[in-house]
Amino acid sequence: MAKRKMATKRKSTGRASGGSSRTRRRKTTCRFPSRRLTIKKILAWADAHHRRTGKWPAIESGPVSGAKKGETWALIHNALRRGHRGLPGGSSLARLLAKYRRARNKADMPRLTIKKILAWADAYHKRTGKWPSQKSGYVRGTSGETWRAINSALYYDNRGLRGQSSLSQLLIKRRNR
């Protein structure tokens, strides 16, 4: 059973006489103490959000449709991180959705290699007769990778890539595009 953090507030006893001022303590609990969460319930809400909007929920997605009043995706994220409301802790909304729904977690994107990018570009060229550009949409055979994201990774030297400036420059240099 998860422990609930208890805060204490001091309340004066309000003695009018000159005697010692004593305080008594009153226990307060977290904002939604009785609203226990489960991974199954969070995923059901996330699936409903995805069906309704076409996107997976994020911290800033606001109120959770179908949940009790006051429930937000930010509160769920905090409960996942801190281990509140019956959840194990040490996770996040993005990690949960990446693990169970294969949603892309922008903070934990897979590393890219030039070899992998060129293989995808060759397959695109074989299929369409043209080389991909950053506007070519999704990369076939991947779980949500886009040519725009690849171009951005090349331009900003991230996701394990170094020394290339853009997708078009890579293709000019390596494939005589």
N, C-alpha and C. Protein backbone atom coordinates (compact mmCIF):
# COMPACT_ATOMS: atom_id res chain seq x y z
N MET A 1 0.85 -1.18 0.00
CA MET A 1 0.00 0.00 0.00
C MET A 1 0.89 1.24 0.00
N ALA A 2 0.59 2.15 -0.88
CA ALA A 2 1.41 3.36 -1.00
C ALA A 2 1.18 4.28 0.19
N LYS A 3 2.25 4.91 0.59
CA LYS A 3 2.15 5.87 1.71
C LYS A 3 1.72 7.21 1.17
N ARG A 4 0.82 7.86 1.88
CA ARG A 4 0.41 9.21 1.53
C ARG A 4 1.21 10.19 2.35
N LYS A 5 1.70 11.21 1.69
CA LYS A 5 2.43 12.23 2.43
C LYS A 5 1.44 13.03 3.25
N MET A 6 1.74 13.23 4.49
CA MET A 6 0.89 14.01 5.37
C MET A 6 1.59 15.32 5.70
N ALA A 7 0.86 16.38 5.56
CA ALA A 7 1.39 17.68 5.94
C ALA A 7 0.69 18.09 7.22
N THR A 8 1.34 18.89 7.98
CA THR A 8 0.70 19.37 9.21
C THR A 8 0.59 20.87 9.17
N LYS A 9 -0.52 21.34 9.71
CA LYS A 9 -0.73 22.78 9.81
C LYS A 9 -0.97 23.09 11.27
N ARG A 10 -0.39 24.15 11.71
CA ARG A 10 -0.58 24.56 13.10
C ARG A 10 -1.79 25.46 13.20
N LYS A 11 -2.58 25.21 14.21
CA LYS A 11 -3.75 26.05 14.45
C LYS A 11 -3.69 26.50 15.89
N SER A 12 -3.77 27.78 16.07
CA SER A 12 -3.69 28.33 17.42
C SER A 12 -4.92 27.96 18.22
N THR A 13 -4.73 27.72 19.52
CA THR A 13 -5.87 27.40 20.39
C THR A 13 -6.61 28.66 20.79
N GLY A 14 -6.02 29.82 20.55
CA GLY A 14 -6.70 31.09 20.77
C GLY A 14 -6.95 31.43 22.23
N ARG A 15 -6.05 31.10 23.11
CA ARG A 15 -6.22 31.40 24.53
C ARG A 15 -6.14 32.91 24.75
N ALA A 16 -7.10 33.41 25.42
CA ALA A 16 -7.13 34.85 25.70
C ALA A 16 -6.31 35.20 26.92
N SER A 17 -6.14 34.26 27.81
CA SER A 17 -5.39 34.55 29.03
C SER A 17 -3.91 34.61 28.73
N GLY A 18 -3.15 35.03 29.65
CA GLY A 18 -1.71 35.19 29.46
C GLY A 18 -0.94 33.90 29.54
N GLY A 19 -1.61 32.76 29.59
CA GLY A 19 -0.93 31.47 29.69
C GLY A 19 -0.15 31.15 28.43
N SER A 20 0.50 30.01 28.44
CA SER A 20 1.31 29.61 27.29
C SER A 20 0.43 29.35 26.07
N SER A 21 0.96 29.73 24.95
CA SER A 21 0.23 29.55 23.70
C SER A 21 0.53 28.16 23.18
N ARG A 22 -0.44 27.32 23.17
CA ARG A 22 -0.28 25.96 22.65
C ARG A 22 -0.87 25.91 21.24
N THR A 23 -0.34 25.03 20.47
CA THR A 23 -0.90 24.81 19.14
C THR A 23 -1.28 23.35 19.01
N ARG A 24 -2.27 23.10 18.24
CA ARG A 24 -2.61 21.70 17.96
C ARG A 24 -2.37 21.46 16.47
N ARG A 25 -2.11 20.26 16.13
CA ARG A 25 -1.80 19.92 14.74
C ARG A 25 -3.00 19.27 14.06
N ARG A 26 -3.21 19.66 12.83
CA ARG A 26 -4.29 19.11 12.03
C ARG A 26 -3.65 18.45 10.81
N LYS A 27 -4.02 17.22 10.51
CA LYS A 27 -3.43 16.51 9.38
C LYS A 27 -4.20 16.82 8.10
N THR A 28 -3.43 17.04 7.03
CA THR A 28 -4.03 17.22 5.72
C THR A 28 -3.38 16.22 4.77
N THR A 29 -4.07 15.87 3.74
CA THR A 29 -3.54 14.90 2.79
C THR A 29 -3.45 15.53 1.41
N CYS A 30 -3.00 14.73 0.46
CA CYS A 30 -2.86 15.23 -0.91
C CYS A 30 -4.22 15.62 -1.50
N ARG A 31 -4.20 16.28 -2.62
CA ARG A 31 -5.38 16.87 -3.23
C ARG A 31 -6.49 15.86 -3.53
N PHE A 32 -6.15 14.68 -4.05
CA PHE A 32 -7.13 13.67 -4.39
C PHE A 32 -6.81 12.37 -3.66
N PRO A 33 -6.94 12.32 -2.32
CA PRO A 33 -6.50 11.14 -1.59
C PRO A 33 -7.25 9.87 -1.95
N SER A 34 -8.52 9.96 -2.28
CA SER A 34 -9.29 8.75 -2.53
C SER A 34 -9.28 8.33 -4.00
N ARG A 35 -8.73 9.15 -4.85
CA ARG A 35 -8.71 8.83 -6.27
C ARG A 35 -7.47 8.04 -6.64
N ARG A 36 -7.52 6.77 -6.37
CA ARG A 36 -6.39 5.90 -6.68
C ARG A 36 -6.35 5.69 -8.20
N LEU A 37 -5.16 5.59 -8.71
CA LEU A 37 -4.98 5.40 -10.15
C LEU A 37 -4.39 4.03 -10.43
N THR A 38 -4.69 3.51 -11.59
CA THR A 38 -4.04 2.29 -12.06
C THR A 38 -3.53 2.56 -13.48
N ILE A 39 -2.55 1.81 -13.88
CA ILE A 39 -2.02 1.93 -15.23
C ILE A 39 -3.14 1.64 -16.23
N LYS A 40 -3.95 0.64 -15.95
CA LYS A 40 -5.05 0.26 -16.84
C LYS A 40 -6.03 1.44 -17.05
N LYS A 41 -6.36 2.13 -15.96
CA LYS A 41 -7.29 3.26 -16.04
C LYS A 41 -6.67 4.41 -16.83
N ILE A 42 -5.40 4.71 -16.58
CA ILE A 42 -4.71 5.79 -17.29
C ILE A 42 -4.66 5.48 -18.78
N LEU A 43 -4.34 4.23 -19.13
CA LEU A 43 -4.26 3.85 -20.54
C LEU A 43 -5.63 3.92 -21.22
N ALA A 44 -6.69 3.58 -20.50
CA ALA A 44 -8.04 3.69 -21.08
C ALA A 44 -8.37 5.15 -21.38
N TRP A 45 -8.05 6.05 -20.45
CA TRP A 45 -8.27 7.48 -20.68
C TRP A 45 -7.42 7.98 -21.85
N ALA A 46 -6.15 7.51 -21.91
CA ALA A 46 -5.25 7.93 -22.98
C ALA A 46 -5.76 7.43 -24.34
N ASP A 47 -6.26 6.19 -24.38
CA ASP A 47 -6.81 5.65 -25.63
C ASP A 47 -8.00 6.47 -26.09
N ALA A 48 -8.88 6.84 -25.15
CA ALA A 48 -10.05 7.66 -25.49
C ALA A 48 -9.61 9.03 -26.00
N HIS A 49 -8.60 9.61 -25.36
CA HIS A 49 -8.06 10.91 -25.80
C HIS A 49 -7.52 10.79 -27.23
N HIS A 50 -6.78 9.70 -27.49
CA HIS A 50 -6.18 9.49 -28.81
C HIS A 50 -7.26 9.29 -29.88
N ARG A 51 -8.31 8.53 -29.56
CA ARG A 51 -9.41 8.34 -30.51
C ARG A 51 -10.11 9.67 -30.82
N ARG A 52 -10.28 10.50 -29.80
CA ARG A 52 -10.99 11.76 -29.93
C ARG A 52 -10.17 12.83 -30.67
N THR A 53 -8.86 12.91 -30.38
CA THR A 53 -8.03 14.00 -30.90
C THR A 53 -7.04 13.58 -31.98
N GLY A 54 -6.73 12.29 -32.05
CA GLY A 54 -5.71 11.82 -32.99
C GLY A 54 -4.30 11.97 -32.45
N LYS A 55 -4.18 12.45 -31.21
CA LYS A 55 -2.86 12.62 -30.57
C LYS A 55 -2.88 11.97 -29.20
N TRP A 56 -1.71 11.56 -28.76
CA TRP A 56 -1.59 11.03 -27.40
C TRP A 56 -1.56 12.20 -26.42
N PRO A 57 -2.10 12.02 -25.22
CA PRO A 57 -2.10 13.13 -24.26
C PRO A 57 -0.70 13.47 -23.80
N ALA A 58 -0.52 14.73 -23.43
CA ALA A 58 0.73 15.22 -22.87
C ALA A 58 0.40 15.98 -21.60
N ILE A 59 1.40 16.38 -20.87
CA ILE A 59 1.20 17.09 -19.61
C ILE A 59 0.29 18.29 -19.80
N GLU A 60 0.46 18.99 -20.91
CA GLU A 60 -0.30 20.22 -21.14
C GLU A 60 -1.66 19.98 -21.82
N SER A 61 -2.12 18.73 -21.90
CA SER A 61 -3.39 18.42 -22.56
C SER A 61 -4.63 18.78 -21.75
N GLY A 62 -4.43 19.21 -20.52
CA GLY A 62 -5.56 19.70 -19.73
C GLY A 62 -6.37 18.63 -19.03
N PRO A 63 -7.67 18.87 -18.85
CA PRO A 63 -8.52 17.93 -18.12
C PRO A 63 -8.64 16.59 -18.83
N VAL A 64 -8.81 15.53 -18.04
CA VAL A 64 -8.97 14.19 -18.57
C VAL A 64 -10.46 13.94 -18.80
N SER A 65 -10.84 13.76 -20.04
CA SER A 65 -12.24 13.51 -20.38
C SER A 65 -12.64 12.13 -19.85
N GLY A 66 -13.78 12.07 -19.17
CA GLY A 66 -14.26 10.81 -18.63
C GLY A 66 -13.83 10.55 -17.20
N ALA A 67 -12.94 11.38 -16.68
CA ALA A 67 -12.49 11.23 -15.29
C ALA A 67 -13.27 12.20 -14.40
N LYS A 68 -13.13 12.03 -13.10
CA LYS A 68 -13.81 12.94 -12.18
C LYS A 68 -13.28 14.36 -12.35
N LYS A 69 -14.12 15.30 -11.99
CA LYS A 69 -13.77 16.72 -12.12
C LYS A 69 -12.46 17.02 -11.41
N GLY A 70 -11.61 17.79 -12.07
CA GLY A 70 -10.34 18.19 -11.47
C GLY A 70 -9.16 17.34 -11.88
N GLU A 71 -9.41 16.18 -12.50
CA GLU A 71 -8.31 15.31 -12.93
C GLU A 71 -7.70 15.87 -14.19
N THR A 72 -6.39 16.03 -14.21
CA THR A 72 -5.69 16.54 -15.39
C THR A 72 -4.54 15.62 -15.74
N TRP A 73 -4.07 15.74 -16.96
CA TRP A 73 -2.92 14.93 -17.39
C TRP A 73 -1.66 15.32 -16.62
N ALA A 74 -1.56 16.57 -16.21
CA ALA A 74 -0.40 17.01 -15.41
C ALA A 74 -0.40 16.33 -14.04
N LEU A 75 -1.58 16.19 -13.42
CA LEU A 75 -1.66 15.50 -12.12
C LEU A 75 -1.31 14.02 -12.27
N ILE A 76 -1.76 13.41 -13.35
CA ILE A 76 -1.43 12.00 -13.60
C ILE A 76 0.07 11.85 -13.81
N HIS A 77 0.66 12.75 -14.57
CA HIS A 77 2.11 12.73 -14.80
C HIS A 77 2.87 12.82 -13.47
N ASN A 78 2.45 13.76 -12.60
CA ASN A 78 3.12 13.92 -11.31
C ASN A 78 2.96 12.68 -10.44
N ALA A 79 1.79 12.05 -10.47
CA ALA A 79 1.58 10.83 -9.69
C ALA A 79 2.48 9.71 -10.21
N LEU A 80 2.65 9.62 -11.52
CA LEU A 80 3.55 8.61 -12.10
C LEU A 80 5.00 8.88 -11.71
N ARG A 81 5.41 10.12 -11.69
CA ARG A 81 6.80 10.47 -11.34
C ARG A 81 7.09 10.24 -9.87
N ARG A 82 6.17 10.64 -9.02
CA ARG A 82 6.43 10.63 -7.57
C ARG A 82 5.93 9.38 -6.85
N GLY A 83 5.15 8.55 -7.54
CA GLY A 83 4.66 7.35 -6.89
C GLY A 83 3.48 7.61 -5.97
N HIS A 84 2.63 8.54 -6.34
CA HIS A 84 1.44 8.84 -5.55
C HIS A 84 0.24 8.09 -6.10
N ARG A 85 -0.81 8.05 -5.29
CA ARG A 85 -2.11 7.54 -5.69
C ARG A 85 -2.08 6.09 -6.16
N GLY A 86 -1.23 5.28 -5.52
CA GLY A 86 -1.17 3.86 -5.80
C GLY A 86 -0.27 3.47 -6.96
N LEU A 87 0.44 4.41 -7.54
CA LEU A 87 1.33 4.13 -8.67
C LEU A 87 2.76 3.92 -8.17
N PRO A 88 3.57 3.14 -8.89
CA PRO A 88 4.92 2.82 -8.42
C PRO A 88 5.91 3.98 -8.39
N GLY A 89 5.80 4.97 -9.25
CA GLY A 89 6.74 6.09 -9.27
C GLY A 89 7.92 5.85 -10.18
N GLY A 90 8.66 6.93 -10.45
CA GLY A 90 9.85 6.85 -11.29
C GLY A 90 9.55 6.78 -12.77
N SER A 91 8.33 7.08 -13.17
CA SER A 91 7.96 7.05 -14.57
C SER A 91 7.45 8.43 -14.99
N SER A 92 6.78 8.49 -16.10
CA SER A 92 6.16 9.74 -16.57
C SER A 92 5.05 9.36 -17.53
N LEU A 93 4.22 10.32 -17.87
CA LEU A 93 3.15 10.07 -18.83
C LEU A 93 3.74 9.67 -20.18
N ALA A 94 4.76 10.37 -20.62
CA ALA A 94 5.39 10.06 -21.92
C ALA A 94 6.01 8.66 -21.92
N ARG A 95 6.69 8.27 -20.84
CA ARG A 95 7.29 6.93 -20.77
C ARG A 95 6.22 5.84 -20.76
N LEU A 96 5.14 6.08 -20.03
CA LEU A 96 4.05 5.11 -19.95
C LEU A 96 3.45 4.88 -21.34
N LEU A 97 3.18 5.96 -22.07
CA LEU A 97 2.59 5.84 -23.39
C LEU A 97 3.58 5.24 -24.39
N ALA A 98 4.85 5.52 -24.24
CA ALA A 98 5.86 4.91 -25.11
C ALA A 98 5.93 3.40 -24.87
N LYS A 99 5.87 3.00 -23.62
CA LYS A 99 5.99 1.59 -23.27
C LYS A 99 4.76 0.78 -23.68
N TYR A 100 3.58 1.27 -23.38
CA TYR A 100 2.36 0.48 -23.61
C TYR A 100 1.64 0.79 -24.91
N ARG A 101 1.87 1.96 -25.49
CA ARG A 101 1.16 2.34 -26.71
C ARG A 101 2.09 2.72 -27.86
N ARG A 102 3.36 2.54 -27.67
CA ARG A 102 4.38 2.83 -28.68
C ARG A 102 4.31 4.26 -29.19
N ALA A 103 3.88 5.17 -28.32
CA ALA A 103 3.85 6.60 -28.65
C ALA A 103 5.28 7.13 -28.60
N ARG A 104 5.57 8.11 -29.40
CA ARG A 104 6.92 8.68 -29.43
C ARG A 104 7.14 9.56 -28.21
N ASN A 105 8.25 9.32 -27.54
CA ASN A 105 8.65 10.12 -26.39
C ASN A 105 9.76 11.04 -26.87
N LYS A 106 9.46 12.32 -27.03
CA LYS A 106 10.42 13.27 -27.59
C LYS A 106 11.68 13.40 -26.76
N ALA A 107 11.60 13.08 -25.47
CA ALA A 107 12.77 13.18 -24.61
C ALA A 107 13.65 11.93 -24.70
N ASP A 108 13.18 10.89 -25.37
CA ASP A 108 13.92 9.65 -25.46
C ASP A 108 13.81 9.07 -26.87
N MET A 109 14.22 9.87 -27.85
CA MET A 109 14.14 9.45 -29.24
C MET A 109 15.26 8.45 -29.55
N PRO A 110 15.00 7.49 -30.43
CA PRO A 110 16.03 6.51 -30.78
C PRO A 110 17.18 7.17 -31.56
N ARG A 111 18.37 6.62 -31.36
CA ARG A 111 19.54 7.14 -32.08
C ARG A 111 19.40 6.81 -33.56
N LEU A 112 19.96 7.68 -34.38
CA LEU A 112 19.97 7.48 -35.82
C LEU A 112 21.40 7.28 -36.29
N THR A 113 21.55 6.57 -37.39
CA THR A 113 22.86 6.43 -38.02
C THR A 113 22.73 6.84 -39.49
N ILE A 114 23.82 7.27 -40.07
CA ILE A 114 23.83 7.64 -41.48
C ILE A 114 23.46 6.42 -42.33
N LYS A 115 23.98 5.26 -41.96
CA LYS A 115 23.69 4.02 -42.68
C LYS A 115 22.19 3.74 -42.71
N LYS A 116 21.53 3.91 -41.58
CA LYS A 116 20.10 3.66 -41.48
C LYS A 116 19.31 4.68 -42.32
N ILE A 117 19.70 5.95 -42.24
CA ILE A 117 19.03 7.00 -43.01
C ILE A 117 19.17 6.74 -44.50
N LEU A 118 20.37 6.37 -44.92
CA LEU A 118 20.60 6.10 -46.35
C LEU A 118 19.80 4.88 -46.83
N ALA A 119 19.66 3.86 -45.98
CA ALA A 119 18.86 2.69 -46.35
C ALA A 119 17.39 3.09 -46.53
N TRP A 120 16.87 3.91 -45.63
CA TRP A 120 15.49 4.39 -45.77
C TRP A 120 15.34 5.25 -47.02
N ALA A 121 16.34 6.10 -47.30
CA ALA A 121 16.29 6.96 -48.49
C ALA A 121 16.35 6.13 -49.76
N ASP A 122 17.19 5.09 -49.77
CA ASP A 122 17.27 4.21 -50.94
C ASP A 122 15.94 3.50 -51.18
N ALA A 123 15.30 3.04 -50.11
CA ALA A 123 13.99 2.37 -50.24
C ALA A 123 12.95 3.35 -50.77
N TYR A 124 12.98 4.58 -50.29
CA TYR A 124 12.06 5.62 -50.75
C TYR A 124 12.28 5.88 -52.24
N HIS A 125 13.55 6.00 -52.63
CA HIS A 125 13.90 6.27 -54.04
C HIS A 125 13.46 5.12 -54.94
N LYS A 126 13.66 3.90 -54.49
CA LYS A 126 13.27 2.72 -55.26
C LYS A 126 11.75 2.68 -55.44
N ARG A 127 11.02 3.06 -54.40
CA ARG A 127 9.56 3.02 -54.42
C ARG A 127 8.95 4.16 -55.24
N THR A 128 9.54 5.37 -55.15
CA THR A 128 8.91 6.55 -55.77
C THR A 128 9.64 7.10 -56.98
N GLY A 129 10.92 6.74 -57.12
CA GLY A 129 11.72 7.30 -58.21
C GLY A 129 12.30 8.66 -57.89
N LYS A 130 12.03 9.16 -56.68
CA LYS A 130 12.56 10.46 -56.22
C LYS A 130 13.28 10.25 -54.90
N TRP A 131 14.16 11.18 -54.57
CA TRP A 131 14.81 11.15 -53.26
C TRP A 131 13.92 11.88 -52.26
N PRO A 132 13.93 11.45 -50.99
CA PRO A 132 13.08 12.12 -49.99
C PRO A 132 13.58 13.51 -49.65
N SER A 133 12.66 14.36 -49.26
CA SER A 133 13.00 15.68 -48.73
C SER A 133 12.38 15.77 -47.34
N GLN A 134 12.63 16.85 -46.66
CA GLN A 134 12.05 17.00 -45.32
C GLN A 134 10.53 17.06 -45.36
N LYS A 135 9.95 17.28 -46.53
CA LYS A 135 8.50 17.36 -46.69
C LYS A 135 7.87 16.04 -47.15
N SER A 136 8.65 14.96 -47.14
CA SER A 136 8.18 13.68 -47.68
C SER A 136 7.33 12.86 -46.70
N GLY A 137 7.07 13.39 -45.52
CA GLY A 137 6.17 12.70 -44.59
C GLY A 137 6.85 11.63 -43.75
N TYR A 138 6.09 10.57 -43.49
CA TYR A 138 6.59 9.49 -42.64
C TYR A 138 7.53 8.57 -43.40
N VAL A 139 8.48 8.01 -42.66
CA VAL A 139 9.42 7.05 -43.22
C VAL A 139 8.78 5.67 -43.11
N ARG A 140 8.55 5.04 -44.23
CA ARG A 140 7.90 3.73 -44.24
C ARG A 140 8.77 2.70 -43.51
N GLY A 141 8.12 1.84 -42.73
CA GLY A 141 8.85 0.78 -42.02
C GLY A 141 9.37 1.21 -40.66
N THR A 142 9.02 2.41 -40.20
CA THR A 142 9.43 2.88 -38.88
C THR A 142 8.19 3.15 -38.04
N SER A 143 8.37 3.34 -36.77
CA SER A 143 7.24 3.64 -35.89
C SER A 143 7.12 5.14 -35.68
N GLY A 144 6.69 5.83 -36.73
CA GLY A 144 6.42 7.26 -36.60
C GLY A 144 7.56 8.19 -36.96
N GLU A 145 8.66 7.68 -37.47
CA GLU A 145 9.78 8.55 -37.87
C GLU A 145 9.37 9.35 -39.10
N THR A 146 9.78 10.62 -39.14
CA THR A 146 9.48 11.46 -40.31
C THR A 146 10.78 11.97 -40.92
N TRP A 147 10.69 12.31 -42.20
CA TRP A 147 11.85 12.88 -42.87
C TRP A 147 12.18 14.25 -42.29
N ARG A 148 11.18 14.97 -41.82
CA ARG A 148 11.42 16.27 -41.18
C ARG A 148 12.24 16.09 -39.90
N ALA A 149 11.89 15.08 -39.10
CA ALA A 149 12.63 14.82 -37.85
C ALA A 149 14.07 14.39 -38.15
N ILE A 150 14.26 13.62 -39.22
CA ILE A 150 15.61 13.21 -39.62
C ILE A 150 16.41 14.43 -40.06
N ASN A 151 15.80 15.28 -40.86
CA ASN A 151 16.47 16.51 -41.31
C ASN A 151 16.86 17.37 -40.11
N SER A 152 15.96 17.49 -39.16
CA SER A 152 16.23 18.28 -37.95
C SER A 152 17.39 17.68 -37.15
N ALA A 153 17.41 16.35 -37.01
CA ALA A 153 18.50 15.70 -36.28
C ALA A 153 19.84 15.92 -36.97
N LEU A 154 19.83 15.89 -38.28
CA LEU A 154 21.07 16.16 -39.04
C LEU A 154 21.50 17.61 -38.87
N TYR A 155 20.57 18.52 -38.95
CA TYR A 155 20.87 19.95 -38.87
C TYR A 155 21.40 20.34 -37.49
N TYR A 156 20.76 19.83 -36.43
CA TYR A 156 21.13 20.22 -35.07
C TYR A 156 22.13 19.26 -34.42
N ASP A 157 22.65 18.31 -35.18
CA ASP A 157 23.64 17.36 -34.65
C ASP A 157 23.16 16.68 -33.38
N ASN A 158 21.98 16.06 -33.44
CA ASN A 158 21.53 15.31 -32.27
C ASN A 158 21.09 13.90 -32.66
N ARG A 159 20.63 13.13 -31.71
CA ARG A 159 20.23 11.74 -31.89
C ARG A 159 21.38 10.89 -32.43
N GLY A 160 22.60 11.24 -32.01
CA GLY A 160 23.77 10.45 -32.37
C GLY A 160 24.42 10.84 -33.69
N LEU A 161 23.91 11.85 -34.35
CA LEU A 161 24.46 12.26 -35.65
C LEU A 161 25.43 13.42 -35.47
N ARG A 162 26.51 13.40 -36.26
CA ARG A 162 27.52 14.46 -36.20
C ARG A 162 27.97 14.82 -37.61
N GLY A 163 28.18 16.10 -37.85
CA GLY A 163 28.88 16.55 -39.05
C GLY A 163 28.10 16.65 -40.34
N GLN A 164 26.81 16.39 -40.36
CA GLN A 164 26.01 16.56 -41.57
C GLN A 164 25.16 17.82 -41.38
N SER A 165 24.75 18.46 -42.45
CA SER A 165 24.01 19.70 -42.28
C SER A 165 22.51 19.57 -42.56
N SER A 166 22.11 18.65 -43.44
CA SER A 166 20.70 18.47 -43.74
C SER A 166 20.52 17.17 -44.50
N LEU A 167 19.27 16.77 -44.66
CA LEU A 167 18.97 15.56 -45.42
C LEU A 167 19.40 15.73 -46.88
N SER A 168 19.09 16.89 -47.46
CA SER A 168 19.46 17.10 -48.87
C SER A 168 20.98 17.09 -49.05
N GLN A 169 21.72 17.71 -48.13
CA GLN A 169 23.19 17.71 -48.22
C GLN A 169 23.76 16.29 -48.08
N LEU A 170 23.17 15.50 -47.20
CA LEU A 170 23.61 14.10 -47.03
C LEU A 170 23.39 13.33 -48.32
N LEU A 171 22.23 13.50 -48.94
CA LEU A 171 21.93 12.77 -50.17
C LEU A 171 22.78 13.24 -51.35
N ILE A 172 23.09 14.53 -51.40
CA ILE A 172 23.99 15.05 -52.44
C ILE A 172 25.37 14.44 -52.28
N LYS A 173 25.84 14.41 -51.05
CA LYS A 173 27.19 13.92 -50.78
C LYS A 173 27.31 12.41 -50.97
N ARG A 174 26.32 11.65 -50.50
CA ARG A 174 26.42 10.19 -50.49
C ARG A 174 25.71 9.48 -51.63
N ARG A 175 24.76 10.13 -52.29
CA ARG A 175 24.00 9.46 -53.34
C ARG A 175 23.96 10.25 -54.65
N ASN A 176 24.78 11.28 -54.78
CA ASN A 176 24.81 12.10 -55.99
C ASN A 176 23.40 12.50 -56.43
N ARG A 177 22.63 12.90 -55.49
CA ARG A 177 21.24 13.28 -55.75
C ARG A 177 21.16 14.47 -56.67
